[in-house]
């Protein structure tokens, strides 16, 4: 019963997130042979101002690259 928990910065379209779920689901099914009905994929969207790496938020990094 694989559980895949994905955290991603908010800002993708619903279609992009649905595509992500489908591709991850397929990868798990094919790589470990899990039955499709046993695969769970969770996508957690995080506001860019609350996601930081190297003491810089995603929002700050995006502003600096404009």
PDB file of N, CA and C in Angstrom:
ATOM      1  N   UNK A   1       0.825  -1.186   0.000  1.00  0.00           N
ATOM      2  CA  UNK A   1       0.000   0.000   0.000  1.00  0.00           C
ATOM      3  C   UNK A   1       0.870   1.251   0.000  1.00  0.00           C
ATOM      4  N   UNK A   2       1.453   1.596  -1.140  1.00  0.00           N
ATOM      5  CA  UNK A   2       2.321   2.773  -1.202  1.00  0.00           C
ATOM      6  C   UNK A   2       1.551   4.064  -0.952  1.00  0.00           C
ATOM      7  N   UNK A   3       2.191   4.938  -0.200  1.00  0.00           N
ATOM      8  CA  UNK A   3       1.680   6.281   0.037  1.00  0.00           C
ATOM      9  C   UNK A   3       2.764   7.252  -0.391  1.00  0.00           C
ATOM     10  N   UNK A   4       2.452   8.111  -1.349  1.00  0.00           N
ATOM     11  CA  UNK A   4       3.390   9.119  -1.824  1.00  0.00           C
ATOM     12  C   UNK A   4       2.854  10.472  -1.384  1.00  0.00           C
ATOM     13  N   UNK A   5       3.662  11.206  -0.630  1.00  0.00           N
ATOM     14  CA  UNK A   5       3.267  12.505  -0.085  1.00  0.00           C
ATOM     15  C   UNK A   5       4.160  13.561  -0.731  1.00  0.00           C
ATOM     16  N   UNK A   6       3.581  14.446  -1.537  1.00  0.00           N
ATOM     17  CA  UNK A   6       4.322  15.453  -2.292  1.00  0.00           C
ATOM     18  C   UNK A   6       4.010  16.832  -1.730  1.00  0.00           C
ATOM     19  N   UNK A   7       5.049  17.580  -1.411  1.00  0.00           N
ATOM     20  CA  UNK A   7       4.894  18.988  -1.049  1.00  0.00           C
ATOM     21  C   UNK A   7       5.434  19.811  -2.204  1.00  0.00           C
ATOM     22  N   UNK A   8       4.655  20.807  -2.622  1.00  0.00           N
ATOM     23  CA  UNK A   8       5.029  21.619  -3.769  1.00  0.00           C
ATOM     24  C   UNK A   8       4.552  23.049  -3.530  1.00  0.00           C
ATOM     25  N   UNK A   9       5.319  24.005  -4.018  1.00  0.00           N
ATOM     26  CA  UNK A   9       4.916  25.402  -3.863  1.00  0.00           C
ATOM     27  C   UNK A   9       3.640  25.658  -4.663  1.00  0.00           C
ATOM     28  N   UNK A  10       2.711  26.362  -4.053  1.00  0.00           N
ATOM     29  CA  UNK A  10       1.453  26.716  -4.722  1.00  0.00           C
ATOM     30  C   UNK A  10       1.770  27.528  -5.973  1.00  0.00           C
ATOM     31  N   UNK A  11       0.967  27.333  -7.006  1.00  0.00           N
ATOM     32  CA  UNK A  11       1.154  28.122  -8.214  1.00  0.00           C
ATOM     33  C   UNK A  11       0.951  27.326  -9.492  1.00  0.00           C
ATOM     34  N   UNK A  12       0.730  26.013  -9.372  1.00  0.00           N
ATOM     35  CA  UNK A  12       0.458  25.198 -10.557  1.00  0.00           C
ATOM     36  C   UNK A  12      -1.042  25.200 -10.843  1.00  0.00           C
ATOM     37  N   UNK A  13      -1.360  24.917 -12.081  1.00  0.00           N
ATOM     38  CA  UNK A  13      -2.777  24.824 -12.459  1.00  0.00           C
ATOM     39  C   UNK A  13      -3.337  23.489 -11.965  1.00  0.00           C
ATOM     40  N   UNK A  14      -4.659  23.402 -11.853  1.00  0.00           N
ATOM     41  CA  UNK A  14      -5.257  22.112 -11.494  1.00  0.00           C
ATOM     42  C   UNK A  14      -4.867  21.003 -12.482  1.00  0.00           C
ATOM     43  N   UNK A  15      -4.748  21.361 -13.744  1.00  0.00           N
ATOM     44  CA  UNK A  15      -4.365  20.378 -14.759  1.00  0.00           C
ATOM     45  C   UNK A  15      -2.945  19.872 -14.529  1.00  0.00           C
ATOM     46  N   UNK A  16      -2.022  20.762 -14.167  1.00  0.00           N
ATOM     47  CA  UNK A  16      -0.645  20.348 -13.881  1.00  0.00           C
ATOM     48  C   UNK A  16      -0.596  19.416 -12.670  1.00  0.00           C
ATOM     49  N   UNK A  17      -1.362  19.750 -11.645  1.00  0.00           N
ATOM     50  CA  UNK A  17      -1.374  18.912 -10.447  1.00  0.00           C
ATOM     51  C   UNK A  17      -1.997  17.552 -10.744  1.00  0.00           C
ATOM     52  N   UNK A  18      -3.039  17.521 -11.554  1.00  0.00           N
ATOM     53  CA  UNK A  18      -3.665  16.248 -11.923  1.00  0.00           C
ATOM     54  C   UNK A  18      -2.690  15.389 -12.723  1.00  0.00           C
ATOM     55  N   UNK A  19      -1.932  16.024 -13.613  1.00  0.00           N
ATOM     56  CA  UNK A  19      -0.924  15.325 -14.404  1.00  0.00           C
ATOM     57  C   UNK A  19       0.180  14.767 -13.500  1.00  0.00           C
ATOM     58  N   UNK A  20       0.589  15.551 -12.511  1.00  0.00           N
ATOM     59  CA  UNK A  20       1.584  15.094 -11.536  1.00  0.00           C
ATOM     60  C   UNK A  20       1.084  13.850 -10.817  1.00  0.00           C
ATOM     61  N   UNK A  21      -0.146  13.894 -10.335  1.00  0.00           N
ATOM     62  CA  UNK A  21      -0.727  12.745  -9.623  1.00  0.00           C
ATOM     63  C   UNK A  21      -0.743  11.518 -10.519  1.00  0.00           C
ATOM     64  N   UNK A  22      -1.205  11.686 -11.761  1.00  0.00           N
ATOM     65  CA  UNK A  22      -1.294  10.545 -12.682  1.00  0.00           C
ATOM     66  C   UNK A  22       0.081   9.952 -12.968  1.00  0.00           C
ATOM     67  N   UNK A  23       1.073  10.803 -13.197  1.00  0.00           N
ATOM     68  CA  UNK A  23       2.414  10.311 -13.512  1.00  0.00           C
ATOM     69  C   UNK A  23       3.079   9.623 -12.318  1.00  0.00           C
ATOM     70  N   UNK A  24       2.894  10.176 -11.129  1.00  0.00           N
ATOM     71  CA  UNK A  24       3.446   9.546  -9.930  1.00  0.00           C
ATOM     72  C   UNK A  24       2.750   8.210  -9.686  1.00  0.00           C
ATOM     73  N   UNK A  25       1.439   8.185  -9.823  1.00  0.00           N
ATOM     74  CA  UNK A  25       0.680   6.943  -9.654  1.00  0.00           C
ATOM     75  C   UNK A  25       1.198   5.866 -10.610  1.00  0.00           C
ATOM     76  N   UNK A  26       1.356   6.229 -11.880  1.00  0.00           N
ATOM     77  CA  UNK A  26       1.855   5.275 -12.873  1.00  0.00           C
ATOM     78  C   UNK A  26       3.266   4.798 -12.537  1.00  0.00           C
ATOM     79  N   UNK A  27       4.115   5.702 -12.097  1.00  0.00           N
ATOM     80  CA  UNK A  27       5.490   5.330 -11.750  1.00  0.00           C
ATOM     81  C   UNK A  27       5.524   4.334 -10.601  1.00  0.00           C
ATOM     82  N   UNK A  28       4.705   4.563  -9.601  1.00  0.00           N
ATOM     83  CA  UNK A  28       4.655   3.640  -8.458  1.00  0.00           C
ATOM     84  C   UNK A  28       4.105   2.287  -8.904  1.00  0.00           C
ATOM     85  N   UNK A  29       3.051   2.323  -9.680  1.00  0.00           N
ATOM     86  CA  UNK A  29       2.445   1.072 -10.155  1.00  0.00           C
ATOM     87  C   UNK A  29       3.457   0.237 -10.934  1.00  0.00           C
ATOM     88  N   UNK A  30       4.180   0.869 -11.830  1.00  0.00           N
ATOM     89  CA  UNK A  30       5.106   0.132 -12.685  1.00  0.00           C
ATOM     90  C   UNK A  30       6.427  -0.204 -12.009  1.00  0.00           C
ATOM     91  N   UNK A  31       6.905   0.636 -11.123  1.00  0.00           N
ATOM     92  CA  UNK A  31       8.217   0.382 -10.528  1.00  0.00           C
ATOM     93  C   UNK A  31       8.182  -0.633  -9.396  1.00  0.00           C
ATOM     94  N   UNK A  32       7.098  -0.672  -8.638  1.00  0.00           N
ATOM     95  CA  UNK A  32       7.039  -1.627  -7.518  1.00  0.00           C
ATOM     96  C   UNK A  32       5.932  -2.656  -7.670  1.00  0.00           C
ATOM     97  N   UNK A  33       5.194  -2.572  -8.765  1.00  0.00           N
ATOM     98  CA  UNK A  33       4.153  -3.558  -9.016  1.00  0.00           C
ATOM     99  C   UNK A  33       2.954  -3.459  -8.090  1.00  0.00           C
ATOM    100  N   UNK A  34       2.701  -2.269  -7.573  1.00  0.00           N
ATOM    101  CA  UNK A  34       1.565  -2.089  -6.666  1.00  0.00           C
ATOM    102  C   UNK A  34       0.258  -2.116  -7.447  1.00  0.00           C
ATOM    103  N   UNK A  35      -0.756  -2.668  -6.835  1.00  0.00           N
ATOM    104  CA  UNK A  35      -2.087  -2.643  -7.435  1.00  0.00           C
ATOM    105  C   UNK A  35      -2.594  -1.203  -7.433  1.00  0.00           C
ATOM    106  N   UNK A  36      -3.167  -0.744  -8.535  1.00  0.00           N
ATOM    107  CA  UNK A  36      -3.612   0.653  -8.629  1.00  0.00           C
ATOM    108  C   UNK A  36      -4.518   1.098  -7.486  1.00  0.00           C
ATOM    109  N   UNK A  37      -5.382   0.207  -7.033  1.00  0.00           N
ATOM    110  CA  UNK A  37      -6.312   0.589  -5.968  1.00  0.00           C
ATOM    111  C   UNK A  37      -5.641   0.736  -4.610  1.00  0.00           C
ATOM    112  N   UNK A  38      -4.379   0.331  -4.517  1.00  0.00           N
ATOM    113  CA  UNK A  38      -3.652   0.445  -3.252  1.00  0.00           C
ATOM    114  C   UNK A  38      -2.704   1.629  -3.197  1.00  0.00           C
ATOM    115  N   UNK A  39      -2.636   2.406  -4.256  1.00  0.00           N
ATOM    116  CA  UNK A  39      -1.699   3.538  -4.322  1.00  0.00           C
ATOM    117  C   UNK A  39      -2.421   4.814  -3.908  1.00  0.00           C
ATOM    118  N   UNK A  40      -1.823   5.533  -2.969  1.00  0.00           N
ATOM    119  CA  UNK A  40      -2.347   6.825  -2.527  1.00  0.00           C
ATOM    120  C   UNK A  40      -1.317   7.908  -2.831  1.00  0.00           C
ATOM    121  N   UNK A  41      -1.759   8.986  -3.445  1.00  0.00           N
ATOM    122  CA  UNK A  41      -0.896  10.134  -3.731  1.00  0.00           C
ATOM    123  C   UNK A  41      -1.536  11.355  -3.080  1.00  0.00           C
ATOM    124  N   UNK A  42      -0.763  12.039  -2.264  1.00  0.00           N
ATOM    125  CA  UNK A  42      -1.232  13.262  -1.607  1.00  0.00           C
ATOM    126  C   UNK A  42      -0.375  14.417  -2.114  1.00  0.00           C
ATOM    127  N   UNK A  43      -1.004  15.497  -2.536  1.00  0.00           N
ATOM    128  CA  UNK A  43      -0.278  16.697  -2.962  1.00  0.00           C
ATOM    129  C   UNK A  43      -0.623  17.813  -1.983  1.00  0.00           C
ATOM    130  N   UNK A  44       0.403  18.346  -1.358  1.00  0.00           N
ATOM    131  CA  UNK A  44       0.223  19.456  -0.419  1.00  0.00           C
ATOM    132  C   UNK A  44       0.837  20.709  -1.035  1.00  0.00           C
ATOM    133  N   UNK A  45       0.010  21.712  -1.226  1.00  0.00           N
ATOM    134  CA  UNK A  45       0.507  22.971  -1.771  1.00  0.00           C
ATOM    135  C   UNK A  45       0.871  23.911  -0.622  1.00  0.00           C
ATOM    136  N   UNK A  46       2.036  24.493  -0.726  1.00  0.00           N
ATOM    137  CA  UNK A  46       2.542  25.402   0.303  1.00  0.00           C
ATOM    138  C   UNK A  46       2.680  26.785  -0.326  1.00  0.00           C
ATOM    139  N   UNK A  47       2.217  27.786   0.394  1.00  0.00           N
ATOM    140  CA  UNK A  47       2.380  29.163  -0.087  1.00  0.00           C
ATOM    141  C   UNK A  47       3.864  29.467  -0.274  1.00  0.00           C
ATOM    142  N   UNK A  48       4.255  30.085  -1.398  1.00  0.00           N
ATOM    143  CA  UNK A  48       5.668  30.379  -1.656  1.00  0.00           C
ATOM    144  C   UNK A  48       6.348  31.201  -0.557  1.00  0.00           C
ATOM    145  N   UNK A  49       5.580  32.026   0.138  1.00  0.00           N
ATOM    146  CA  UNK A  49       6.192  32.839   1.207  1.00  0.00           C
ATOM    147  C   UNK A  49       6.507  32.013   2.452  1.00  0.00           C
ATOM    148  N   UNK A  50       5.985  30.769   2.520  1.00  0.00           N
ATOM    149  CA  UNK A  50       6.236  29.900   3.669  1.00  0.00           C
ATOM    150  C   UNK A  50       7.171  28.741   3.348  1.00  0.00           C
ATOM    151  N   UNK A  51       7.771  28.737   2.172  1.00  0.00           N
ATOM    152  CA  UNK A  51       8.681  27.664   1.752  1.00  0.00           C
ATOM    153  C   UNK A  51      10.048  28.298   1.538  1.00  0.00           C
ATOM    154  N   UNK A  52      11.025  27.854   2.303  1.00  0.00           N
ATOM    155  CA  UNK A  52      12.352  28.475   2.197  1.00  0.00           C
ATOM    156  C   UNK A  52      13.438  27.418   2.055  1.00  0.00           C
ATOM    157  N   UNK A  53      14.484  27.797   1.357  1.00  0.00           N
ATOM    158  CA  UNK A  53      15.700  26.999   1.239  1.00  0.00           C
ATOM    159  C   UNK A  53      16.863  27.987   1.258  1.00  0.00           C
ATOM    160  N   UNK A  54      17.893  27.637   1.998  1.00  0.00           N
ATOM    161  CA  UNK A  54      19.060  28.514   2.131  1.00  0.00           C
ATOM    162  C   UNK A  54      18.650  29.909   2.607  1.00  0.00           C
ATOM    163  N   UNK A  55      17.703  29.937   3.537  1.00  0.00           N
ATOM    164  CA  UNK A  55      17.225  31.174   4.165  1.00  0.00           C
ATOM    165  C   UNK A  55      16.624  32.167   3.172  1.00  0.00           C
ATOM    166  N   UNK A  56      16.058  31.662   2.090  1.00  0.00           N
ATOM    167  CA  UNK A  56      15.361  32.515   1.132  1.00  0.00           C
ATOM    168  C   UNK A  56      14.078  31.797   0.725  1.00  0.00           C
ATOM    169  N   UNK A  57      12.961  32.519   0.810  1.00  0.00           N
ATOM    170  CA  UNK A  57      11.699  31.881   0.451  1.00  0.00           C
ATOM    171  C   UNK A  57      11.583  31.769  -1.069  1.00  0.00           C
ATOM    172  N   UNK A  58      10.692  30.892  -1.505  1.00  0.00           N
ATOM    173  CA  UNK A  58      10.428  30.758  -2.933  1.00  0.00           C
ATOM    174  C   UNK A  58       9.945  32.083  -3.494  1.00  0.00           C
ATOM    175  N   UNK A  59       9.111  32.793  -2.745  1.00  0.00           N
ATOM    176  CA  UNK A  59       8.597  34.096  -3.190  1.00  0.00           C
ATOM    177  C   UNK A  59       9.731  35.101  -3.337  1.00  0.00           C
ATOM    178  N   UNK A  60      10.650  35.124  -2.389  1.00  0.00           N
ATOM    179  CA  UNK A  60      11.800  36.051  -2.475  1.00  0.00           C
ATOM    180  C   UNK A  60      12.674  35.708  -3.675  1.00  0.00           C
ATOM    181  N   UNK A  61      12.890  34.433  -3.899  1.00  0.00           N
ATOM    182  CA  UNK A  61      13.719  33.996  -5.020  1.00  0.00           C
ATOM    183  C   UNK A  61      13.066  34.393  -6.344  1.00  0.00           C
ATOM    184  N   UNK A  62      11.749  34.236  -6.429  1.00  0.00           N
ATOM    185  CA  UNK A  62      11.030  34.602  -7.652  1.00  0.00           C
ATOM    186  C   UNK A  62      11.113  36.122  -7.896  1.00  0.00           C
ATOM    187  N   UNK A  63      11.001  36.901  -6.831  1.00  0.00           N
ATOM    188  CA  UNK A  63      11.094  38.367  -6.972  1.00  0.00           C
ATOM    189  C   UNK A  63      12.480  38.787  -7.421  1.00  0.00           C
ATOM    190  N   UNK A  64      13.496  38.123  -6.917  1.00  0.00           N
ATOM    191  CA  UNK A  64      14.867  38.467  -7.255  1.00  0.00           C
ATOM    192  C   UNK A  64      15.201  38.104  -8.706  1.00  0.00           C
ATOM    193  N   UNK A  65      14.506  37.134  -9.266  1.00  0.00           N
ATOM    194  CA  UNK A  65      14.783  36.696 -10.636  1.00  0.00           C
ATOM    195  C   UNK A  65      13.995  37.444 -11.695  1.00  0.00           C
ATOM    196  N   UNK A  66      13.219  38.445 -11.289  1.00  0.00           N
ATOM    197  CA  UNK A  66      12.419  39.207 -12.269  1.00  0.00           C
ATOM    198  C   UNK A  66      13.239  40.275 -12.921  1.00  0.00           C
TER     199      UNK A  66
END
